[in-house]
Amino acid sequence: MTDTQIVEIGLQAMTISAKMSAPTLLTALGIGFAISLFQSVTQIQEATLSFVPKAIACGAALLFAGNWMLHEMMTYTTQLFEKIPQLLAS
């Protein structure tokens, strides 16, 4: 196993982890921004007002993107397992 292969596997792992977390993080970011804008306009400072919609939206994002996330993770894992003989031979 060469250092180039190790860096490639690490880069792929970081890329897939960024792809997996993007739907929920972007949803939480968007909802959080909208709620904070609403709170600043109406001057309502209620902590649960920001938490509950974010939790519901993140759950919905996981529900809609879950199938894609599972497919991406299975593809990555399958490719990694297929590379094992090549990596051990190097």
PDB file of N, CA and C in Angstrom:
ATOM      1  N   MET A   1       0.846  -1.168   0.000  1.00  0.00           N
ATOM      2  CA  MET A   1       0.000   0.000   0.000  1.00  0.00           C
ATOM      3  C   MET A   1       0.894   1.234   0.000  1.00  0.00           C
ATOM      4  N   THR A   2       0.765   2.040  -1.021  1.00  0.00           N
ATOM      5  CA  THR A   2       1.597   3.226  -1.118  1.00  0.00           C
ATOM      6  C   THR A   2       0.921   4.411  -0.429  1.00  0.00           C
ATOM      7  N   ASP A   3       1.713   5.444  -0.220  1.00  0.00           N
ATOM      8  CA  ASP A   3       1.152   6.623   0.435  1.00  0.00           C
ATOM      9  C   ASP A   3       0.113   7.317  -0.448  1.00  0.00           C
ATOM     10  N   THR A   4       0.244   7.212  -1.748  1.00  0.00           N
ATOM     11  CA  THR A   4      -0.742   7.790  -2.659  1.00  0.00           C
ATOM     12  C   THR A   4      -2.093   7.103  -2.517  1.00  0.00           C
ATOM     13  N   GLN A   5      -2.080   5.797  -2.372  1.00  0.00           N
ATOM     14  CA  GLN A   5      -3.323   5.048  -2.191  1.00  0.00           C
ATOM     15  C   GLN A   5      -3.983   5.399  -0.863  1.00  0.00           C
ATOM     16  N   ILE A   6      -3.188   5.578   0.165  1.00  0.00           N
ATOM     17  CA  ILE A   6      -3.728   5.941   1.475  1.00  0.00           C
ATOM     18  C   ILE A   6      -4.381   7.321   1.421  1.00  0.00           C
ATOM     19  N   VAL A   7      -3.708   8.252   0.755  1.00  0.00           N
ATOM     20  CA  VAL A   7      -4.275   9.603   0.614  1.00  0.00           C
ATOM     21  C   VAL A   7      -5.548   9.559  -0.218  1.00  0.00           C
ATOM     22  N   GLU A   8      -5.574   8.742  -1.258  1.00  0.00           N
ATOM     23  CA  GLU A   8      -6.766   8.619  -2.093  1.00  0.00           C
ATOM     24  C   GLU A   8      -7.949   8.062  -1.303  1.00  0.00           C
ATOM     25  N   ILE A   9      -7.699   7.047  -0.494  1.00  0.00           N
ATOM     26  CA  ILE A   9      -8.771   6.467   0.333  1.00  0.00           C
ATOM     27  C   ILE A   9      -9.252   7.486   1.363  1.00  0.00           C
ATOM     28  N   GLY A  10      -8.324   8.215   1.956  1.00  0.00           N
ATOM     29  CA  GLY A  10      -8.713   9.251   2.917  1.00  0.00           C
ATOM     30  C   GLY A  10      -9.521  10.364   2.272  1.00  0.00           C
ATOM     31  N   LEU A  11      -9.136  10.764   1.077  1.00  0.00           N
ATOM     32  CA  LEU A  11      -9.872  11.802   0.351  1.00  0.00           C
ATOM     33  C   LEU A  11     -11.270  11.326  -0.007  1.00  0.00           C
ATOM     34  N   GLN A  12     -11.386  10.080  -0.447  1.00  0.00           N
ATOM     35  CA  GLN A  12     -12.706   9.531  -0.764  1.00  0.00           C
ATOM     36  C   GLN A  12     -13.578   9.449   0.484  1.00  0.00           C
ATOM     37  N   ALA A  13     -12.990   9.077   1.616  1.00  0.00           N
ATOM     38  CA  ALA A  13     -13.755   8.993   2.859  1.00  0.00           C
ATOM     39  C   ALA A  13     -14.248  10.371   3.296  1.00  0.00           C
ATOM     40  N   MET A  14     -13.403  11.382   3.171  1.00  0.00           N
ATOM     41  CA  MET A  14     -13.834  12.735   3.538  1.00  0.00           C
ATOM     42  C   MET A  14     -14.896  13.256   2.574  1.00  0.00           C
ATOM     43  N   THR A  15     -14.755  12.936   1.297  1.00  0.00           N
ATOM     44  CA  THR A  15     -15.748  13.372   0.319  1.00  0.00           C
ATOM     45  C   THR A  15     -17.100  12.729   0.585  1.00  0.00           C
ATOM     46  N   ILE A  16     -17.103  11.439   0.855  1.00  0.00           N
ATOM     47  CA  ILE A  16     -18.375  10.749   1.099  1.00  0.00           C
ATOM     48  C   ILE A  16     -19.001  11.220   2.408  1.00  0.00           C
ATOM     49  N   SER A  17     -18.191  11.534   3.410  1.00  0.00           N
ATOM     50  CA  SER A  17     -18.762  12.035   4.663  1.00  0.00           C
ATOM     51  C   SER A  17     -19.351  13.430   4.478  1.00  0.00           C
ATOM     52  N   ALA A  18     -18.738  14.251   3.632  1.00  0.00           N
ATOM     53  CA  ALA A  18     -19.303  15.580   3.341  1.00  0.00           C
ATOM     54  C   ALA A  18     -20.613  15.435   2.567  1.00  0.00           C
ATOM     55  N   LYS A  19     -20.653  14.496   1.622  1.00  0.00           N
ATOM     56  CA  LYS A  19     -21.879  14.270   0.865  1.00  0.00           C
ATOM     57  C   LYS A  19     -22.995  13.734   1.757  1.00  0.00           C
ATOM     58  N   MET A  20     -22.648  12.893   2.731  1.00  0.00           N
ATOM     59  CA  MET A  20     -23.656  12.326   3.622  1.00  0.00           C
ATOM     60  C   MET A  20     -24.246  13.366   4.579  1.00  0.00           C
ATOM     61  N   SER A  21     -23.419  14.290   5.012  1.00  0.00           N
ATOM     62  CA  SER A  21     -23.896  15.270   5.992  1.00  0.00           C
ATOM     63  C   SER A  21     -24.529  16.500   5.359  1.00  0.00           C
ATOM     64  N   ALA A  22     -24.324  16.699   4.064  1.00  0.00           N
ATOM     65  CA  ALA A  22     -24.811  17.916   3.402  1.00  0.00           C
ATOM     66  C   ALA A  22     -26.328  18.112   3.473  1.00  0.00           C
ATOM     67  N   PRO A  23     -27.158  17.104   3.217  1.00  0.00           N
ATOM     68  CA  PRO A  23     -28.603  17.371   3.252  1.00  0.00           C
ATOM     69  C   PRO A  23     -29.106  17.860   4.611  1.00  0.00           C
ATOM     70  N   THR A  24     -28.677  17.231   5.678  1.00  0.00           N
ATOM     71  CA  THR A  24     -29.167  17.655   6.991  1.00  0.00           C
ATOM     72  C   THR A  24     -28.551  18.978   7.424  1.00  0.00           C
ATOM     73  N   LEU A  25     -27.273  19.175   7.140  1.00  0.00           N
ATOM     74  CA  LEU A  25     -26.633  20.429   7.544  1.00  0.00           C
ATOM     75  C   LEU A  25     -27.187  21.622   6.780  1.00  0.00           C
ATOM     76  N   LEU A  26     -27.387  21.466   5.481  1.00  0.00           N
ATOM     77  CA  LEU A  26     -27.936  22.575   4.698  1.00  0.00           C
ATOM     78  C   LEU A  26     -29.382  22.864   5.074  1.00  0.00           C
ATOM     79  N   THR A  27     -30.141  21.826   5.394  1.00  0.00           N
ATOM     80  CA  THR A  27     -31.517  22.032   5.847  1.00  0.00           C
ATOM     81  C   THR A  27     -31.538  22.774   7.169  1.00  0.00           C
ATOM     82  N   ALA A  28     -30.697  22.357   8.111  1.00  0.00           N
ATOM     83  CA  ALA A  28     -30.636  23.039   9.405  1.00  0.00           C
ATOM     84  C   ALA A  28     -30.164  24.476   9.249  1.00  0.00           C
ATOM     85  N   LEU A  29     -29.232  24.711   8.336  1.00  0.00           N
ATOM     86  CA  LEU A  29     -28.755  26.063   8.082  1.00  0.00           C
ATOM     87  C   LEU A  29     -29.869  26.944   7.530  1.00  0.00           C
ATOM     88  N   GLY A  30     -30.582  26.451   6.549  1.00  0.00           N
ATOM     89  CA  GLY A  30     -31.665  27.226   5.945  1.00  0.00           C
ATOM     90  C   GLY A  30     -32.792  27.526   6.921  1.00  0.00           C
ATOM     91  N   ILE A  31     -33.222  26.506   7.646  1.00  0.00           N
ATOM     92  CA  ILE A  31     -34.303  26.699   8.618  1.00  0.00           C
ATOM     93  C   ILE A  31     -33.839  27.600   9.747  1.00  0.00           C
ATOM     94  N   GLY A  32     -32.625  27.421  10.216  1.00  0.00           N
ATOM     95  CA  GLY A  32     -32.097  28.269  11.288  1.00  0.00           C
ATOM     96  C   GLY A  32     -32.022  29.724  10.878  1.00  0.00           C
ATOM     97  N   PHE A  33     -31.602  29.966   9.633  1.00  0.00           N
ATOM     98  CA  PHE A  33     -31.549  31.336   9.141  1.00  0.00           C
ATOM     99  C   PHE A  33     -32.942  31.949   9.058  1.00  0.00           C
ATOM    100  N   ALA A  34     -33.894  31.178   8.535  1.00  0.00           N
ATOM    101  CA  ALA A  34     -35.260  31.693   8.404  1.00  0.00           C
ATOM    102  C   ALA A  34     -35.871  31.981   9.773  1.00  0.00           C
ATOM    103  N   ILE A  35     -35.662  31.090  10.732  1.00  0.00           N
ATOM    104  CA  ILE A  35     -36.215  31.287  12.071  1.00  0.00           C
ATOM    105  C   ILE A  35     -35.552  32.474  12.759  1.00  0.00           C
ATOM    106  N   SER A  36     -34.248  32.609  12.625  1.00  0.00           N
ATOM    107  CA  SER A  36     -33.572  33.741  13.260  1.00  0.00           C
ATOM    108  C   SER A  36     -33.994  35.068  12.626  1.00  0.00           C
ATOM    109  N   LEU A  37     -34.228  35.054  11.323  1.00  0.00           N
ATOM    110  CA  LEU A  37     -34.743  36.254  10.662  1.00  0.00           C
ATOM    111  C   LEU A  37     -36.140  36.590  11.169  1.00  0.00           C
ATOM    112  N   PHE A  38     -36.983  35.575  11.310  1.00  0.00           N
ATOM    113  CA  PHE A  38     -38.332  35.778  11.854  1.00  0.00           C
ATOM    114  C   PHE A  38     -38.272  36.300  13.289  1.00  0.00           C
ATOM    115  N   GLN A  39     -37.372  35.736  14.095  1.00  0.00           N
ATOM    116  CA  GLN A  39     -37.244  36.183  15.486  1.00  0.00           C
ATOM    117  C   GLN A  39     -36.736  37.613  15.571  1.00  0.00           C
ATOM    118  N   SER A  40     -35.839  37.993  14.704  1.00  0.00           N
ATOM    119  CA  SER A  40     -35.320  39.357  14.768  1.00  0.00           C
ATOM    120  C   SER A  40     -36.356  40.364  14.281  1.00  0.00           C
ATOM    121  N   VAL A  41     -37.185  39.965  13.320  1.00  0.00           N
ATOM    122  CA  VAL A  41     -38.225  40.870  12.824  1.00  0.00           C
ATOM    123  C   VAL A  41     -39.327  41.052  13.859  1.00  0.00           C
ATOM    124  N   THR A  42     -39.745  39.956  14.484  1.00  0.00           N
ATOM    125  CA  THR A  42     -40.851  40.031  15.436  1.00  0.00           C
ATOM    126  C   THR A  42     -40.385  40.244  16.869  1.00  0.00           C
ATOM    127  N   GLN A  43     -39.098  40.194  17.130  1.00  0.00           N
ATOM    128  CA  GLN A  43     -38.508  40.346  18.466  1.00  0.00           C
ATOM    129  C   GLN A  43     -39.019  39.305  19.455  1.00  0.00           C
ATOM    130  N   ILE A  44     -39.318  38.117  18.957  1.00  0.00           N
ATOM    131  CA  ILE A  44     -39.680  36.985  19.814  1.00  0.00           C
ATOM    132  C   ILE A  44     -38.403  36.220  20.118  1.00  0.00           C
ATOM    133  N   GLN A  45     -38.081  36.050  21.382  1.00  0.00           N
ATOM    134  CA  GLN A  45     -36.859  35.337  21.768  1.00  0.00           C
ATOM    135  C   GLN A  45     -37.228  34.047  22.513  1.00  0.00           C
ATOM    136  N   GLU A  46     -37.749  33.102  21.784  1.00  0.00           N
ATOM    137  CA  GLU A  46     -38.146  31.824  22.354  1.00  0.00           C
ATOM    138  C   GLU A  46     -37.195  30.747  21.836  1.00  0.00           C
ATOM    139  N   ALA A  47     -36.559  30.013  22.752  1.00  0.00           N
ATOM    140  CA  ALA A  47     -35.550  29.019  22.356  1.00  0.00           C
ATOM    141  C   ALA A  47     -36.176  27.839  21.614  1.00  0.00           C
ATOM    142  N   THR A  48     -37.358  27.418  22.030  1.00  0.00           N
ATOM    143  CA  THR A  48     -37.978  26.266  21.375  1.00  0.00           C
ATOM    144  C   THR A  48     -38.451  26.602  19.970  1.00  0.00           C
ATOM    145  N   LEU A  49     -38.640  27.870  19.680  1.00  0.00           N
ATOM    146  CA  LEU A  49     -39.068  28.271  18.347  1.00  0.00           C
ATOM    147  C   LEU A  49     -38.002  27.940  17.304  1.00  0.00           C
ATOM    148  N   SER A  50     -36.754  27.940  17.695  1.00  0.00           N
ATOM    149  CA  SER A  50     -35.701  27.608  16.731  1.00  0.00           C
ATOM    150  C   SER A  50     -35.391  26.118  16.702  1.00  0.00           C
ATOM    151  N   PHE A  51     -35.626  25.415  17.800  1.00  0.00           N
ATOM    152  CA  PHE A  51     -35.243  24.004  17.862  1.00  0.00           C
ATOM    153  C   PHE A  51     -36.240  23.089  17.163  1.00  0.00           C
ATOM    154  N   VAL A  52     -37.495  23.248  17.453  1.00  0.00           N
ATOM    155  CA  VAL A  52     -38.516  22.318  16.942  1.00  0.00           C
ATOM    156  C   VAL A  52     -38.595  22.322  15.412  1.00  0.00           C
ATOM    157  N   PRO A  53     -38.670  23.483  14.743  1.00  0.00           N
ATOM    158  CA  PRO A  53     -38.706  23.426  13.270  1.00  0.00           C
ATOM    159  C   PRO A  53     -37.435  22.820  12.660  1.00  0.00           C
ATOM    160  N   LYS A  54     -36.284  23.083  13.281  1.00  0.00           N
ATOM    161  CA  LYS A  54     -35.041  22.488  12.766  1.00  0.00           C
ATOM    162  C   LYS A  54     -35.063  20.973  12.904  1.00  0.00           C
ATOM    163  N   ALA A  55     -35.545  20.491  14.031  1.00  0.00           N
ATOM    164  CA  ALA A  55     -35.606  19.038  14.243  1.00  0.00           C
ATOM    165  C   ALA A  55     -36.557  18.382  13.243  1.00  0.00           C
ATOM    166  N   ILE A  56     -37.700  19.003  13.010  1.00  0.00           N
ATOM    167  CA  ILE A  56     -38.660  18.454  12.052  1.00  0.00           C
ATOM    168  C   ILE A  56     -38.090  18.496  10.634  1.00  0.00           C
ATOM    169  N   ALA A  57     -37.466  19.600  10.270  1.00  0.00           N
ATOM    170  CA  ALA A  57     -36.908  19.732   8.921  1.00  0.00           C
ATOM    171  C   ALA A  57     -35.751  18.766   8.693  1.00  0.00           C
ATOM    172  N   CYS A  58     -34.913  18.581   9.699  1.00  0.00           N
ATOM    173  CA  CYS A  58     -33.799  17.626   9.551  1.00  0.00           C
ATOM    174  C   CYS A  58     -34.324  16.199   9.430  1.00  0.00           C
ATOM    175  N   GLY A  59     -35.368  15.886  10.174  1.00  0.00           N
ATOM    176  CA  GLY A  59     -35.994  14.571  10.030  1.00  0.00           C
ATOM    177  C   GLY A  59     -36.560  14.366   8.640  1.00  0.00           C
ATOM    178  N   ALA A  60     -37.196  15.413   8.097  1.00  0.00           N
ATOM    179  CA  ALA A  60     -37.733  15.325   6.737  1.00  0.00           C
ATOM    180  C   ALA A  60     -36.605  15.197   5.713  1.00  0.00           C
ATOM    181  N   ALA A  61     -35.511  15.917   5.923  1.00  0.00           N
ATOM    182  CA  ALA A  61     -34.372  15.817   5.010  1.00  0.00           C
ATOM    183  C   ALA A  61     -33.795  14.406   5.027  1.00  0.00           C
ATOM    184  N   LEU A  62     -33.693  13.809   6.203  1.00  0.00           N
ATOM    185  CA  LEU A  62     -33.208  12.427   6.286  1.00  0.00           C
ATOM    186  C   LEU A  62     -34.181  11.460   5.632  1.00  0.00           C
ATOM    187  N   LEU A  63     -35.467  11.739   5.763  1.00  0.00           N
ATOM    188  CA  LEU A  63     -36.476  10.877   5.148  1.00  0.00           C
ATOM    189  C   LEU A  63     -36.381  10.927   3.625  1.00  0.00           C
ATOM    190  N   PHE A  64     -36.211  12.126   3.074  1.00  0.00           N
ATOM    191  CA  PHE A  64     -36.144  12.269   1.619  1.00  0.00           C
ATOM    192  C   PHE A  64     -34.791  11.869   1.044  1.00  0.00           C
ATOM    193  N   ALA A  65     -33.698  12.144   1.753  1.00  0.00           N
ATOM    194  CA  ALA A  65     -32.364  11.867   1.221  1.00  0.00           C
ATOM    195  C   ALA A  65     -31.791  10.544   1.719  1.00  0.00           C
ATOM    196  N   GLY A  66     -32.502   9.853   2.578  1.00  0.00           N
ATOM    197  CA  GLY A  66     -31.974   8.622   3.171  1.00  0.00           C
ATOM    198  C   GLY A  66     -31.663   7.536   2.163  1.00  0.00           C
ATOM    199  N   ASN A  67     -32.537   7.361   1.185  1.00  0.00           N
ATOM    200  CA  ASN A  67     -32.311   6.331   0.178  1.00  0.00           C
ATOM    201  C   ASN A  67     -31.057   6.634  -0.633  1.00  0.00           C
ATOM    202  N   TRP A  68     -30.893   7.887  -1.027  1.00  0.00           N
ATOM    203  CA  TRP A  68     -29.700   8.293  -1.775  1.00  0.00           C
ATOM    204  C   TRP A  68     -28.445   8.113  -0.917  1.00  0.00           C
ATOM    205  N   MET A  69     -28.530   8.495   0.357  1.00  0.00           N
ATOM    206  CA  MET A  69     -27.385   8.375   1.259  1.00  0.00           C
ATOM    207  C   MET A  69     -26.980   6.909   1.420  1.00  0.00           C
ATOM    208  N   LEU A  70     -27.973   6.044   1.584  1.00  0.00           N
ATOM    209  CA  LEU A  70     -27.688   4.614   1.726  1.00  0.00           C
ATOM    210  C   LEU A  70     -27.052   4.056   0.453  1.00  0.00           C
ATOM    211  N   HIS A  71     -27.554   4.458  -0.696  1.00  0.00           N
ATOM    212  CA  HIS A  71     -26.987   3.993  -1.964  1.00  0.00           C
ATOM    213  C   HIS A  71     -25.545   4.459  -2.119  1.00  0.00           C
ATOM    214  N   GLU A  72     -25.266   5.713  -1.816  1.00  0.00           N
ATOM    215  CA  GLU A  72     -23.900   6.242  -1.925  1.00  0.00           C
ATOM    216  C   GLU A  72     -22.949   5.504  -0.986  1.00  0.00           C
ATOM    217  N   MET A  73     -23.396   5.260   0.240  1.00  0.00           N
ATOM    218  CA  MET A  73     -22.537   4.583   1.214  1.00  0.00           C
ATOM    219  C   MET A  73     -22.278   3.132   0.819  1.00  0.00           C
ATOM    220  N   MET A  74     -23.303   2.462   0.296  1.00  0.00           N
ATOM    221  CA  MET A  74     -23.109   1.083  -0.150  1.00  0.00           C
ATOM    222  C   MET A  74     -22.175   1.013  -1.348  1.00  0.00           C
ATOM    223  N   THR A  75     -22.290   1.976  -2.261  1.00  0.00           N
ATOM    224  CA  THR A  75     -21.399   2.015  -3.418  1.00  0.00           C
ATOM    225  C   THR A  75     -19.953   2.234  -2.986  1.00  0.00           C
ATOM    226  N   TYR A  76     -19.760   3.168  -2.077  1.00  0.00           N
ATOM    227  CA  TYR A  76     -18.405   3.444  -1.581  1.00  0.00           C
ATOM    228  C   TYR A  76     -17.817   2.221  -0.874  1.00  0.00           C
ATOM    229  N   THR A  77     -18.613   1.579  -0.040  1.00  0.00           N
ATOM    230  CA  THR A  77     -18.127   0.412   0.698  1.00  0.00           C
ATOM    231  C   THR A  77     -17.807  -0.737  -0.250  1.00  0.00           C
ATOM    232  N   THR A  78     -18.653  -0.954  -1.238  1.00  0.00           N
ATOM    233  CA  THR A  78     -18.404  -2.019  -2.218  1.00  0.00           C
ATOM    234  C   THR A  78     -17.120  -1.752  -2.989  1.00  0.00           C
ATOM    235  N   GLN A  79     -16.924  -0.516  -3.431  1.00  0.00           N
ATOM    236  CA  GLN A  79     -15.699  -0.170  -4.147  1.00  0.00           C
ATOM    237  C   GLN A  79     -14.470  -0.349  -3.270  1.00  0.00           C
ATOM    238  N   LEU A  80     -14.598   0.003  -2.008  1.00  0.00           N
ATOM    239  CA  LEU A  80     -13.465  -0.142  -1.088  1.00  0.00           C
ATOM    240  C   LEU A  80     -13.122  -1.611  -0.872  1.00  0.00           C
ATOM    241  N   PHE A  81     -14.147  -2.456  -0.714  1.00  0.00           N
ATOM    242  CA  PHE A  81     -13.897  -3.884  -0.539  1.00  0.00           C
ATOM    243  C   PHE A  81     -13.315  -4.508  -1.804  1.00  0.00           C
ATOM    244  N   GLU A  82     -13.734  -4.021  -2.969  1.00  0.00           N
ATOM    245  CA  GLU A  82     -13.186  -4.553  -4.220  1.00  0.00           C
ATOM    246  C   GLU A  82     -11.720  -4.168  -4.404  1.00  0.00           C
ATOM    247  N   LYS A  83     -11.299  -3.079  -3.803  1.00  0.00           N
ATOM    248  CA  LYS A  83      -9.909  -2.612  -3.912  1.00  0.00           C
ATOM    249  C   LYS A  83      -8.955  -3.334  -2.961  1.00  0.00           C
ATOM    250  N   ILE A  84      -9.463  -4.081  -2.000  1.00  0.00           N
ATOM    251  CA  ILE A  84      -8.612  -4.690  -0.974  1.00  0.00           C
ATOM    252  C   ILE A  84      -7.517  -5.582  -1.573  1.00  0.00           C
ATOM    253  N   PRO A  85      -7.820  -6.493  -2.505  1.00  0.00           N
ATOM    254  CA  PRO A  85      -6.714  -7.304  -3.055  1.00  0.00           C
ATOM    255  C   PRO A  85      -5.639  -6.457  -3.768  1.00  0.00           C
ATOM    256  N   GLN A  86      -6.070  -5.431  -4.486  1.00  0.00           N
ATOM    257  CA  GLN A  86      -5.116  -4.558  -5.171  1.00  0.00           C
ATOM    258  C   GLN A  86      -4.270  -3.790  -4.155  1.00  0.00           C
ATOM    259  N   LEU A  87      -4.892  -3.340  -3.078  1.00  0.00           N
ATOM    260  CA  LEU A  87      -4.150  -2.604  -2.062  1.00  0.00           C
ATOM    261  C   LEU A  87      -3.163  -3.474  -1.308  1.00  0.00           C
ATOM    262  N   LEU A  88      -3.529  -4.706  -1.061  1.00  0.00           N
ATOM    263  CA  LEU A  88      -2.629  -5.621  -0.327  1.00  0.00           C
ATOM    264  C   LEU A  88      -1.485  -6.112  -1.214  1.00  0.00           C
ATOM    265  N   ALA A  89      -1.712  -6.159  -2.537  1.00  0.00           N
ATOM    266  CA  ALA A  89      -0.656  -6.621  -3.445  1.00  0.00           C
ATOM    267  C   ALA A  89       0.441  -5.566  -3.617  1.00  0.00           C
ATOM    268  N   SER A  90       0.101  -4.307  -3.406  1.00  0.00           N
ATOM    269  CA  SER A  90       1.082  -3.245  -3.620  1.00  0.00           C
ATOM    270  C   SER A  90       2.134  -3.217  -2.533  1.00  0.00           C
TER     271      SER A  90
END
